[in-house]
mmCIF file of all heavy atoms, coordinates in Angstrom:
data_MODEL
# 
_entry.id   MODEL 
# 
loop_
_atom_site.group_PDB 
_atom_site.id 
_atom_site.type_symbol 
_atom_site.label_atom_id 
_atom_site.label_alt_id 
_atom_site.label_comp_id 
_atom_site.label_asym_id 
_atom_site.label_entity_id 
_atom_site.label_seq_id 
_atom_site.pdbx_PDB_ins_code 
_atom_site.Cartn_x 
_atom_site.Cartn_y 
_atom_site.Cartn_z 
_atom_site.occupancy 
_atom_site.B_iso_or_equiv 
_atom_site.pdbx_formal_charge 
_atom_site.auth_seq_id 
_atom_site.auth_comp_id 
_atom_site.auth_asym_id 
_atom_site.auth_atom_id 
_atom_site.pdbx_PDB_model_num 
ATOM 1   N N   . ALA A 1 1  ? 0.829   -1.195  0.002   1.00 0.00 ? 1  ALA A N   1 
ATOM 2   C CA  . ALA A 1 1  ? 0.010   0.004   0.012   1.00 0.00 ? 1  ALA A CA  1 
ATOM 3   C C   . ALA A 1 1  ? 0.892   1.233   0.014   1.00 0.00 ? 1  ALA A C   1 
ATOM 4   O O   . ALA A 1 1  ? 0.601   2.221   -0.739  1.00 0.00 ? 1  ALA A O   1 
ATOM 5   C CB  . ALA A 1 1  ? -0.928  -0.007  1.219   1.00 0.00 ? 1  ALA A CB  1 
ATOM 6   N N   . GLY A 1 2  ? 1.921   1.240   0.825   1.00 0.00 ? 2  GLY A N   1 
ATOM 7   C CA  . GLY A 1 2  ? 2.823   2.388   0.852   1.00 0.00 ? 2  GLY A CA  1 
ATOM 8   C C   . GLY A 1 2  ? 3.586   2.599   -0.476  1.00 0.00 ? 2  GLY A C   1 
ATOM 9   O O   . GLY A 1 2  ? 3.717   3.755   -0.933  1.00 0.00 ? 2  GLY A O   1 
ATOM 10  N N   . ARG A 1 3  ? 3.988   1.525   -1.042  1.00 0.00 ? 3  ARG A N   1 
ATOM 11  C CA  . ARG A 1 3  ? 4.692   1.644   -2.316  1.00 0.00 ? 3  ARG A CA  1 
ATOM 12  C C   . ARG A 1 3  ? 3.804   2.097   -3.447  1.00 0.00 ? 3  ARG A C   1 
ATOM 13  O O   . ARG A 1 3  ? 4.165   2.952   -4.284  1.00 0.00 ? 3  ARG A O   1 
ATOM 14  C CB  . ARG A 1 3  ? 5.336   0.304   -2.718  1.00 0.00 ? 3  ARG A CB  1 
ATOM 15  C CG  . ARG A 1 3  ? 6.507   -0.054  -1.847  1.00 0.00 ? 3  ARG A CG  1 
ATOM 16  C CD  . ARG A 1 3  ? 7.087   -1.371  -2.222  1.00 0.00 ? 3  ARG A CD  1 
ATOM 17  N NE  . ARG A 1 3  ? 8.284   -1.619  -1.452  1.00 0.00 ? 3  ARG A NE  1 
ATOM 18  C CZ  . ARG A 1 3  ? 8.923   -2.780  -1.384  1.00 0.00 ? 3  ARG A CZ  1 
ATOM 19  N NH1 . ARG A 1 3  ? 8.472   -3.792  -2.087  1.00 0.00 ? 3  ARG A NH1 1 
ATOM 20  N NH2 . ARG A 1 3  ? 9.995   -2.929  -0.647  1.00 0.00 ? 3  ARG A NH2 1 
ATOM 21  N N   . TYR A 1 4  ? 2.576   1.565   -3.516  1.00 0.00 ? 4  TYR A N   1 
ATOM 22  C CA  . TYR A 1 4  ? 1.624   1.963   -4.528  1.00 0.00 ? 4  TYR A CA  1 
ATOM 23  C C   . TYR A 1 4  ? 1.259   3.475   -4.391  1.00 0.00 ? 4  TYR A C   1 
ATOM 24  O O   . TYR A 1 4  ? 1.141   4.189   -5.358  1.00 0.00 ? 4  TYR A O   1 
ATOM 25  C CB  . TYR A 1 4  ? 0.400   1.113   -4.535  1.00 0.00 ? 4  TYR A CB  1 
ATOM 26  C CG  . TYR A 1 4  ? 0.603   -0.280  -5.060  1.00 0.00 ? 4  TYR A CG  1 
ATOM 27  C CD1 . TYR A 1 4  ? -0.134  -1.352  -4.522  1.00 0.00 ? 4  TYR A CD1 1 
ATOM 28  C CD2 . TYR A 1 4  ? 1.464   -0.572  -6.101  1.00 0.00 ? 4  TYR A CD2 1 
ATOM 29  C CE1 . TYR A 1 4  ? 0.094   -2.642  -4.963  1.00 0.00 ? 4  TYR A CE1 1 
ATOM 30  C CE2 . TYR A 1 4  ? 1.670   -1.819  -6.560  1.00 0.00 ? 4  TYR A CE2 1 
ATOM 31  C CZ  . TYR A 1 4  ? 0.953   -2.862  -5.994  1.00 0.00 ? 4  TYR A CZ  1 
ATOM 32  O OH  . TYR A 1 4  ? 1.150   -4.125  -6.519  1.00 0.00 ? 4  TYR A OH  1 
ATOM 33  N N   . ALA A 1 5  ? 1.065   3.858   -3.153  1.00 0.00 ? 5  ALA A N   1 
ATOM 34  C CA  . ALA A 1 5  ? 0.694   5.257   -2.908  1.00 0.00 ? 5  ALA A CA  1 
ATOM 35  C C   . ALA A 1 5  ? 1.814   6.217   -3.281  1.00 0.00 ? 5  ALA A C   1 
ATOM 36  O O   . ALA A 1 5  ? 1.595   7.274   -3.848  1.00 0.00 ? 5  ALA A O   1 
ATOM 37  C CB  . ALA A 1 5  ? 0.271   5.483   -1.430  1.00 0.00 ? 5  ALA A CB  1 
ATOM 38  N N   . HIS A 1 6  ? 3.036   5.780   -3.007  1.00 0.00 ? 6  HIS A N   1 
ATOM 39  C CA  . HIS A 1 6  ? 4.185   6.627   -3.348  1.00 0.00 ? 6  HIS A CA  1 
ATOM 40  C C   . HIS A 1 6  ? 4.349   6.766   -4.867  1.00 0.00 ? 6  HIS A C   1 
ATOM 41  O O   . HIS A 1 6  ? 4.709   7.844   -5.378  1.00 0.00 ? 6  HIS A O   1 
ATOM 42  C CB  . HIS A 1 6  ? 5.477   6.006   -2.755  1.00 0.00 ? 6  HIS A CB  1 
ATOM 43  C CG  . HIS A 1 6  ? 6.704   6.775   -3.051  1.00 0.00 ? 6  HIS A CG  1 
ATOM 44  N ND1 . HIS A 1 6  ? 6.954   8.009   -2.486  1.00 0.00 ? 6  HIS A ND1 1 
ATOM 45  C CD2 . HIS A 1 6  ? 7.752   6.539   -3.884  1.00 0.00 ? 6  HIS A CD2 1 
ATOM 46  C CE1 . HIS A 1 6  ? 8.123   8.478   -2.954  1.00 0.00 ? 6  HIS A CE1 1 
ATOM 47  N NE2 . HIS A 1 6  ? 8.597   7.577   -3.801  1.00 0.00 ? 6  HIS A NE2 1 
ATOM 48  N N   . ALA A 1 7  ? 3.957   5.670   -5.573  1.00 0.00 ? 7  ALA A N   1 
ATOM 49  C CA  . ALA A 1 7  ? 4.065   5.713   -7.023  1.00 0.00 ? 7  ALA A CA  1 
ATOM 50  C C   . ALA A 1 7  ? 2.792   6.310   -7.692  1.00 0.00 ? 7  ALA A C   1 
ATOM 51  O O   . ALA A 1 7  ? 2.649   6.229   -8.899  1.00 0.00 ? 7  ALA A O   1 
ATOM 52  C CB  . ALA A 1 7  ? 4.327   4.305   -7.542  1.00 0.00 ? 7  ALA A CB  1 
ATOM 53  N N   . ARG A 1 8  ? 1.904   6.836   -6.882  1.00 0.00 ? 8  ARG A N   1 
ATOM 54  C CA  . ARG A 1 8  ? 0.639   7.429   -7.344  1.00 0.00 ? 8  ARG A CA  1 
ATOM 55  C C   . ARG A 1 8  ? -0.238  6.441   -8.066  1.00 0.00 ? 8  ARG A C   1 
ATOM 56  O O   . ARG A 1 8  ? -0.944  6.814   -8.972  1.00 0.00 ? 8  ARG A O   1 
ATOM 57  C CB  . ARG A 1 8  ? 0.878   8.671   -8.237  1.00 0.00 ? 8  ARG A CB  1 
ATOM 58  C CG  . ARG A 1 8  ? 1.692   9.803   -7.617  1.00 0.00 ? 8  ARG A CG  1 
ATOM 59  C CD  . ARG A 1 8  ? 0.827   10.537  -6.624  1.00 0.00 ? 8  ARG A CD  1 
ATOM 60  N NE  . ARG A 1 8  ? 1.471   11.729  -6.175  1.00 0.00 ? 8  ARG A NE  1 
ATOM 61  C CZ  . ARG A 1 8  ? 2.101   11.852  -4.990  1.00 0.00 ? 8  ARG A CZ  1 
ATOM 62  N NH1 . ARG A 1 8  ? 2.183   10.841  -4.180  1.00 0.00 ? 8  ARG A NH1 1 
ATOM 63  N NH2 . ARG A 1 8  ? 2.622   13.013  -4.645  1.00 0.00 ? 8  ARG A NH2 1 
ATOM 64  N N   . GLN A 1 9  ? -0.145  5.164   -7.651  1.00 0.00 ? 9  GLN A N   1 
ATOM 65  C CA  . GLN A 1 9  ? -1.028  4.152   -8.228  1.00 0.00 ? 9  GLN A CA  1 
ATOM 66  C C   . GLN A 1 9  ? -2.127  3.919   -7.189  1.00 0.00 ? 9  GLN A C   1 
ATOM 67  O O   . GLN A 1 9  ? -2.124  2.913   -6.468  1.00 0.00 ? 9  GLN A O   1 
ATOM 68  C CB  . GLN A 1 9  ? -0.216  2.873   -8.523  1.00 0.00 ? 9  GLN A CB  1 
ATOM 69  C CG  . GLN A 1 9  ? 0.866   3.083   -9.551  1.00 0.00 ? 9  GLN A CG  1 
ATOM 70  C CD  . GLN A 1 9  ? 1.760   1.862   -9.715  1.00 0.00 ? 9  GLN A CD  1 
ATOM 71  O OE1 . GLN A 1 9  ? 1.490   0.811   -9.141  1.00 0.00 ? 9  GLN A OE1 1 
ATOM 72  N NE2 . GLN A 1 9  ? 2.766   2.007   -10.538 1.00 0.00 ? 9  GLN A NE2 1 
ATOM 73  N N   . MET A 1 10 ? -3.032  4.863   -7.157  1.00 0.00 ? 10 MET A N   1 
ATOM 74  C CA  . MET A 1 10 ? -3.985  4.930   -6.027  1.00 0.00 ? 10 MET A CA  1 
ATOM 75  C C   . MET A 1 10 ? -4.991  3.732   -6.001  1.00 0.00 ? 10 MET A C   1 
ATOM 76  O O   . MET A 1 10 ? -5.384  3.331   -4.953  1.00 0.00 ? 10 MET A O   1 
ATOM 77  C CB  . MET A 1 10 ? -4.644  6.257   -5.999  1.00 0.00 ? 10 MET A CB  1 
ATOM 78  C CG  . MET A 1 10 ? -3.732  7.435   -5.790  1.00 0.00 ? 10 MET A CG  1 
ATOM 79  S SD  . MET A 1 10 ? -2.447  7.139   -4.530  1.00 0.00 ? 10 MET A SD  1 
ATOM 80  C CE  . MET A 1 10 ? -3.350  7.395   -3.067  1.00 0.00 ? 10 MET A CE  1 
ATOM 81  N N   . ARG A 1 11 ? -5.391  3.284   -7.164  1.00 0.00 ? 11 ARG A N   1 
ATOM 82  C CA  . ARG A 1 11 ? -6.380  2.188   -7.179  1.00 0.00 ? 11 ARG A CA  1 
ATOM 83  C C   . ARG A 1 11 ? -5.709  0.948   -6.530  1.00 0.00 ? 11 ARG A C   1 
ATOM 84  O O   . ARG A 1 11 ? -6.394  0.222   -5.752  1.00 0.00 ? 11 ARG A O   1 
ATOM 85  C CB  . ARG A 1 11 ? -6.817  1.853   -8.546  1.00 0.00 ? 11 ARG A CB  1 
ATOM 86  C CG  . ARG A 1 11 ? -7.847  2.829   -9.099  1.00 0.00 ? 11 ARG A CG  1 
ATOM 87  C CD  . ARG A 1 11 ? -8.405  2.383   -10.416 1.00 0.00 ? 11 ARG A CD  1 
ATOM 88  N NE  . ARG A 1 11 ? -9.319  3.361   -10.878 1.00 0.00 ? 11 ARG A NE  1 
ATOM 89  C CZ  . ARG A 1 11 ? -9.879  3.333   -12.056 1.00 0.00 ? 11 ARG A CZ  1 
ATOM 90  N NH1 . ARG A 1 11 ? -9.635  2.326   -12.896 1.00 0.00 ? 11 ARG A NH1 1 
ATOM 91  N NH2 . ARG A 1 11 ? -10.750 4.237   -12.444 1.00 0.00 ? 11 ARG A NH2 1 
ATOM 92  N N   . ARG A 1 12 ? -4.448  0.657   -6.856  1.00 0.00 ? 12 ARG A N   1 
ATOM 93  C CA  . ARG A 1 12 ? -3.779  -0.462  -6.293  1.00 0.00 ? 12 ARG A CA  1 
ATOM 94  C C   . ARG A 1 12 ? -3.564  -0.244  -4.760  1.00 0.00 ? 12 ARG A C   1 
ATOM 95  O O   . ARG A 1 12 ? -3.689  -1.178  -3.993  1.00 0.00 ? 12 ARG A O   1 
ATOM 96  C CB  . ARG A 1 12 ? -2.425  -0.705  -6.959  1.00 0.00 ? 12 ARG A CB  1 
ATOM 97  C CG  . ARG A 1 12 ? -2.558  -1.197  -8.378  1.00 0.00 ? 12 ARG A CG  1 
ATOM 98  C CD  . ARG A 1 12 ? -1.238  -1.391  -9.018  1.00 0.00 ? 12 ARG A CD  1 
ATOM 99  N NE  . ARG A 1 12 ? -1.395  -1.933  -10.365 1.00 0.00 ? 12 ARG A NE  1 
ATOM 100 C CZ  . ARG A 1 12 ? -0.354  -2.035  -11.198 1.00 0.00 ? 12 ARG A CZ  1 
ATOM 101 N NH1 . ARG A 1 12 ? 0.814   -1.663  -10.903 1.00 0.00 ? 12 ARG A NH1 1 
ATOM 102 N NH2 . ARG A 1 12 ? -0.597  -2.561  -12.376 1.00 0.00 ? 12 ARG A NH2 1 
ATOM 103 N N   . ALA A 1 13 ? -3.220  0.999   -4.370  1.00 0.00 ? 13 ALA A N   1 
ATOM 104 C CA  . ALA A 1 13 ? -2.997  1.304   -2.946  1.00 0.00 ? 13 ALA A CA  1 
ATOM 105 C C   . ALA A 1 13 ? -4.320  1.074   -2.189  1.00 0.00 ? 13 ALA A C   1 
ATOM 106 O O   . ALA A 1 13 ? -4.279  0.524   -1.104  1.00 0.00 ? 13 ALA A O   1 
ATOM 107 C CB  . ALA A 1 13 ? -2.547  2.731   -2.833  1.00 0.00 ? 13 ALA A CB  1 
ATOM 108 N N   . TYR A 1 14 ? -5.445  1.605   -2.720  1.00 0.00 ? 14 TYR A N   1 
ATOM 109 C CA  . TYR A 1 14 ? -6.719  1.452   -2.050  1.00 0.00 ? 14 TYR A CA  1 
ATOM 110 C C   . TYR A 1 14 ? -7.141  -0.026  -1.933  1.00 0.00 ? 14 TYR A C   1 
ATOM 111 O O   . TYR A 1 14 ? -7.766  -0.404  -0.931  1.00 0.00 ? 14 TYR A O   1 
ATOM 112 C CB  . TYR A 1 14 ? -7.820  2.258   -2.728  1.00 0.00 ? 14 TYR A CB  1 
ATOM 113 C CG  . TYR A 1 14 ? -7.623  3.761   -2.651  1.00 0.00 ? 14 TYR A CG  1 
ATOM 114 C CD1 . TYR A 1 14 ? -7.959  4.581   -3.664  1.00 0.00 ? 14 TYR A CD1 1 
ATOM 115 C CD2 . TYR A 1 14 ? -7.103  4.321   -1.466  1.00 0.00 ? 14 TYR A CD2 1 
ATOM 116 C CE1 . TYR A 1 14 ? -7.791  5.934   -3.570  1.00 0.00 ? 14 TYR A CE1 1 
ATOM 117 C CE2 . TYR A 1 14 ? -6.920  5.682   -1.380  1.00 0.00 ? 14 TYR A CE2 1 
ATOM 118 C CZ  . TYR A 1 14 ? -7.263  6.485   -2.436  1.00 0.00 ? 14 TYR A CZ  1 
ATOM 119 O OH  . TYR A 1 14 ? -7.076  7.866   -2.348  1.00 0.00 ? 14 TYR A OH  1 
ATOM 120 N N   . ARG A 1 15 ? -6.759  -0.795  -2.918  1.00 0.00 ? 15 ARG A N   1 
ATOM 121 C CA  . ARG A 1 15 ? -7.053  -2.235  -2.896  1.00 0.00 ? 15 ARG A CA  1 
ATOM 122 C C   . ARG A 1 15 ? -6.317  -2.909  -1.734  1.00 0.00 ? 15 ARG A C   1 
ATOM 123 O O   . ARG A 1 15 ? -6.885  -3.717  -0.997  1.00 0.00 ? 15 ARG A O   1 
ATOM 124 C CB  . ARG A 1 15 ? -6.710  -2.911  -4.230  1.00 0.00 ? 15 ARG A CB  1 
ATOM 125 C CG  . ARG A 1 15 ? -7.045  -4.383  -4.263  1.00 0.00 ? 15 ARG A CG  1 
ATOM 126 C CD  . ARG A 1 15 ? -6.647  -4.997  -5.544  1.00 0.00 ? 15 ARG A CD  1 
ATOM 127 N NE  . ARG A 1 15 ? -5.197  -4.922  -5.751  1.00 0.00 ? 15 ARG A NE  1 
ATOM 128 C CZ  . ARG A 1 15 ? -4.578  -4.753  -6.931  1.00 0.00 ? 15 ARG A CZ  1 
ATOM 129 N NH1 . ARG A 1 15 ? -5.261  -4.673  -8.025  1.00 0.00 ? 15 ARG A NH1 1 
ATOM 130 N NH2 . ARG A 1 15 ? -3.252  -4.702  -6.999  1.00 0.00 ? 15 ARG A NH2 1 
ATOM 131 N N   . GLU A 1 16 ? -5.059  -2.518  -1.541  1.00 0.00 ? 16 GLU A N   1 
ATOM 132 C CA  . GLU A 1 16 ? -4.272  -3.083  -0.398  1.00 0.00 ? 16 GLU A CA  1 
ATOM 133 C C   . GLU A 1 16 ? -4.791  -2.621  0.931   1.00 0.00 ? 16 GLU A C   1 
ATOM 134 O O   . GLU A 1 16 ? -4.806  -3.342  1.910   1.00 0.00 ? 16 GLU A O   1 
ATOM 135 C CB  . GLU A 1 16 ? -2.795  -2.746  -0.573  1.00 0.00 ? 16 GLU A CB  1 
ATOM 136 C CG  . GLU A 1 16 ? -2.149  -3.366  -1.787  1.00 0.00 ? 16 GLU A CG  1 
ATOM 137 C CD  . GLU A 1 16 ? -2.202  -4.880  -1.801  1.00 0.00 ? 16 GLU A CD  1 
ATOM 138 O OE1 . GLU A 1 16 ? -2.095  -5.533  -0.740  1.00 0.00 ? 16 GLU A OE1 1 
ATOM 139 O OE2 . GLU A 1 16 ? -2.305  -5.451  -2.886  1.00 0.00 ? 16 GLU A OE2 1 
ATOM 140 N N   . ILE A 1 17 ? -5.226  -1.337  0.966   1.00 0.00 ? 17 ILE A N   1 
ATOM 141 C CA  . ILE A 1 17 ? -5.793  -0.817  2.231   1.00 0.00 ? 17 ILE A CA  1 
ATOM 142 C C   . ILE A 1 17 ? -7.076  -1.539  2.578   1.00 0.00 ? 17 ILE A C   1 
ATOM 143 O O   . ILE A 1 17 ? -7.337  -1.913  3.738   1.00 0.00 ? 17 ILE A O   1 
ATOM 144 C CB  . ILE A 1 17 ? -5.998  0.711   2.153   1.00 0.00 ? 17 ILE A CB  1 
ATOM 145 C CG1 . ILE A 1 17 ? -4.682  1.446   2.059   1.00 0.00 ? 17 ILE A CG1 1 
ATOM 146 C CG2 . ILE A 1 17 ? -6.821  1.208   3.338   1.00 0.00 ? 17 ILE A CG2 1 
ATOM 147 C CD1 . ILE A 1 17 ? -4.761  2.902   1.737   1.00 0.00 ? 17 ILE A CD1 1 
ATOM 148 N N   . LYS A 1 18 ? -7.884  -1.809  1.573   1.00 0.00 ? 18 LYS A N   1 
ATOM 149 C CA  . LYS A 1 18 ? -9.118  -2.564  1.772   1.00 0.00 ? 18 LYS A CA  1 
ATOM 150 C C   . LYS A 1 18 ? -8.786  -3.990  2.247   1.00 0.00 ? 18 LYS A C   1 
ATOM 151 O O   . LYS A 1 18 ? -9.498  -4.558  3.117   1.00 0.00 ? 18 LYS A O   1 
ATOM 152 C CB  . LYS A 1 18 ? -9.931  -2.627  0.492   1.00 0.00 ? 18 LYS A CB  1 
ATOM 153 C CG  . LYS A 1 18 ? -11.301 -3.256  0.640   1.00 0.00 ? 18 LYS A CG  1 
ATOM 154 C CD  . LYS A 1 18 ? -12.072 -3.214  -0.614  1.00 0.00 ? 18 LYS A CD  1 
ATOM 155 C CE  . LYS A 1 18 ? -13.389 -3.906  -0.442  1.00 0.00 ? 18 LYS A CE  1 
ATOM 156 N NZ  . LYS A 1 18 ? -14.146 -4.011  -1.714  1.00 0.00 ? 18 LYS A NZ  1 
ATOM 157 N N   . ARG A 1 19 ? -7.739  -4.550  1.718   1.00 0.00 ? 19 ARG A N   1 
ATOM 158 C CA  . ARG A 1 19 ? -7.295  -5.899  2.150   1.00 0.00 ? 19 ARG A CA  1 
ATOM 159 C C   . ARG A 1 19 ? -6.892  -5.885  3.622   1.00 0.00 ? 19 ARG A C   1 
ATOM 160 O O   . ARG A 1 19 ? -7.249  -6.787  4.392   1.00 0.00 ? 19 ARG A O   1 
ATOM 161 C CB  . ARG A 1 19 ? -6.159  -6.359  1.237   1.00 0.00 ? 19 ARG A CB  1 
ATOM 162 C CG  . ARG A 1 19 ? -5.755  -7.782  1.441   1.00 0.00 ? 19 ARG A CG  1 
ATOM 163 C CD  . ARG A 1 19 ? -4.809  -8.189  0.326   1.00 0.00 ? 19 ARG A CD  1 
ATOM 164 N NE  . ARG A 1 19 ? -5.586  -8.420  -0.885  1.00 0.00 ? 19 ARG A NE  1 
ATOM 165 C CZ  . ARG A 1 19 ? -5.093  -8.322  -2.111  1.00 0.00 ? 19 ARG A CZ  1 
ATOM 166 N NH1 . ARG A 1 19 ? -3.815  -8.021  -2.317  1.00 0.00 ? 19 ARG A NH1 1 
ATOM 167 N NH2 . ARG A 1 19 ? -5.844  -8.504  -3.172  1.00 0.00 ? 19 ARG A NH2 1 
ATOM 168 N N   . LEU A 1 20 ? -6.195  -4.844  4.056   1.00 0.00 ? 20 LEU A N   1 
ATOM 169 C CA  . LEU A 1 20 ? -5.812  -4.708  5.496   1.00 0.00 ? 20 LEU A CA  1 
ATOM 170 C C   . LEU A 1 20 ? -7.003  -4.598  6.348   1.00 0.00 ? 20 LEU A C   1 
ATOM 171 O O   . LEU A 1 20 ? -7.099  -5.172  7.427   1.00 0.00 ? 20 LEU A O   1 
ATOM 172 C CB  . LEU A 1 20 ? -4.897  -3.521  5.661   1.00 0.00 ? 20 LEU A CB  1 
ATOM 173 C CG  . LEU A 1 20 ? -3.434  -3.734  5.197   1.00 0.00 ? 20 LEU A CG  1 
ATOM 174 C CD1 . LEU A 1 20 ? -2.746  -2.392  5.123   1.00 0.00 ? 20 LEU A CD1 1 
ATOM 175 C CD2 . LEU A 1 20 ? -2.726  -4.634  6.110   1.00 0.00 ? 20 LEU A CD2 1 
ATOM 176 N N   . LYS A 1 21 ? -8.013  -3.828  5.840   1.00 0.00 ? 21 LYS A N   1 
ATOM 177 C CA  . LYS A 1 21 ? -9.251  -3.673  6.665   1.00 0.00 ? 21 LYS A CA  1 
ATOM 178 C C   . LYS A 1 21 ? -9.954  -5.020  6.726   1.00 0.00 ? 21 LYS A C   1 
ATOM 179 O O   . LYS A 1 21 ? -10.561 -5.331  7.804   1.00 0.00 ? 21 LYS A O   1 
ATOM 180 C CB  . LYS A 1 21 ? -10.118 -2.628  5.953   1.00 0.00 ? 21 LYS A CB  1 
ATOM 181 C CG  . LYS A 1 21 ? -11.319 -2.184  6.760   1.00 0.00 ? 21 LYS A CG  1 
ATOM 182 C CD  . LYS A 1 21 ? -12.030 -1.077  6.062   1.00 0.00 ? 21 LYS A CD  1 
ATOM 183 C CE  . LYS A 1 21 ? -13.233 -0.638  6.865   1.00 0.00 ? 21 LYS A CE  1 
ATOM 184 N NZ  . LYS A 1 21 ? -13.974 0.471   6.215   1.00 0.00 ? 21 LYS A NZ  1 
ATOM 185 N N   . THR A 1 22 ? -9.942  -5.818  5.659   1.00 0.00 ? 22 THR A N   1 
ATOM 186 C CA  . THR A 1 22 ? -10.572 -7.117  5.676   1.00 0.00 ? 22 THR A CA  1 
ATOM 187 C C   . THR A 1 22 ? -9.849  -8.021  6.696   1.00 0.00 ? 22 THR A C   1 
ATOM 188 O O   . THR A 1 22 ? -10.501 -8.748  7.464   1.00 0.00 ? 22 THR A O   1 
ATOM 189 C CB  . THR A 1 22 ? -10.493 -7.745  4.308   1.00 0.00 ? 22 THR A CB  1 
ATOM 190 O OG1 . THR A 1 22 ? -11.153 -6.893  3.387   1.00 0.00 ? 22 THR A OG1 1 
ATOM 191 C CG2 . THR A 1 22 ? -11.143 -9.124  4.264   1.00 0.00 ? 22 THR A CG2 1 
ATOM 192 N N   . TYR A 1 23 ? -8.520  -7.997  6.746   1.00 0.00 ? 23 TYR A N   1 
ATOM 193 C CA  . TYR A 1 23 ? -7.758  -8.820  7.657   1.00 0.00 ? 23 TYR A CA  1 
ATOM 194 C C   . TYR A 1 23 ? -8.163  -8.444  9.101   1.00 0.00 ? 23 TYR A C   1 
ATOM 195 O O   . TYR A 1 23 ? -8.388  -9.299  9.932   1.00 0.00 ? 23 TYR A O   1 
ATOM 196 C CB  . TYR A 1 23 ? -6.262  -8.620  7.524   1.00 0.00 ? 23 TYR A CB  1 
ATOM 197 C CG  . TYR A 1 23 ? -5.676  -9.125  6.190   1.00 0.00 ? 23 TYR A CG  1 
ATOM 198 C CD1 . TYR A 1 23 ? -4.468  -8.654  5.737   1.00 0.00 ? 23 TYR A CD1 1 
ATOM 199 C CD2 . TYR A 1 23 ? -6.378  -10.033 5.402   1.00 0.00 ? 23 TYR A CD2 1 
ATOM 200 C CE1 . TYR A 1 23 ? -3.911  -9.102  4.549   1.00 0.00 ? 23 TYR A CE1 1 
ATOM 201 C CE2 . TYR A 1 23 ? -5.832  -10.459 4.220   1.00 0.00 ? 23 TYR A CE2 1 
ATOM 202 C CZ  . TYR A 1 23 ? -4.614  -10.018 3.816   1.00 0.00 ? 23 TYR A CZ  1 
ATOM 203 O OH  . TYR A 1 23 ? -4.059  -10.443 2.607   1.00 0.00 ? 23 TYR A OH  1 
ATOM 204 N N   . LEU A 1 24 ? -8.268  -7.134  9.396   1.00 0.00 ? 24 LEU A N   1 
ATOM 205 C CA  . LEU A 1 24 ? -8.648  -6.699  10.705  1.00 0.00 ? 24 LEU A CA  1 
ATOM 206 C C   . LEU A 1 24 ? -10.042 -7.178  11.050  1.00 0.00 ? 24 LEU A C   1 
ATOM 207 O O   . LEU A 1 24 ? -10.302 -7.679  12.165  1.00 0.00 ? 24 LEU A O   1 
ATOM 208 C CB  . LEU A 1 24 ? -8.612  -5.153  10.798  1.00 0.00 ? 24 LEU A CB  1 
ATOM 209 C CG  . LEU A 1 24 ? -9.106  -4.550  12.107  1.00 0.00 ? 24 LEU A CG  1 
ATOM 210 C CD1 . LEU A 1 24 ? -8.257  -5.012  13.288  1.00 0.00 ? 24 LEU A CD1 1 
ATOM 211 C CD2 . LEU A 1 24 ? -9.094  -2.987  11.987  1.00 0.00 ? 24 LEU A CD2 1 
ATOM 212 N N   . GLY A 1 25 ? -10.959 -7.059  10.150  1.00 0.00 ? 25 GLY A N   1 
ATOM 213 C CA  . GLY A 1 25 ? -12.350 -7.487  10.399  1.00 0.00 ? 25 GLY A CA  1 
ATOM 214 C C   . GLY A 1 25 ? -12.448 -8.976  10.655  1.00 0.00 ? 25 GLY A C   1 
ATOM 215 O O   . GLY A 1 25 ? -13.201 -9.430  11.512  1.00 0.00 ? 25 GLY A O   1 
# 
């Protein structure tokens, strides 16, 4: 997520953030 956000690949970054939220849930 950090790498994708740094590279301005926001759709991929948001997908990884959603994955982290799923793991937490």
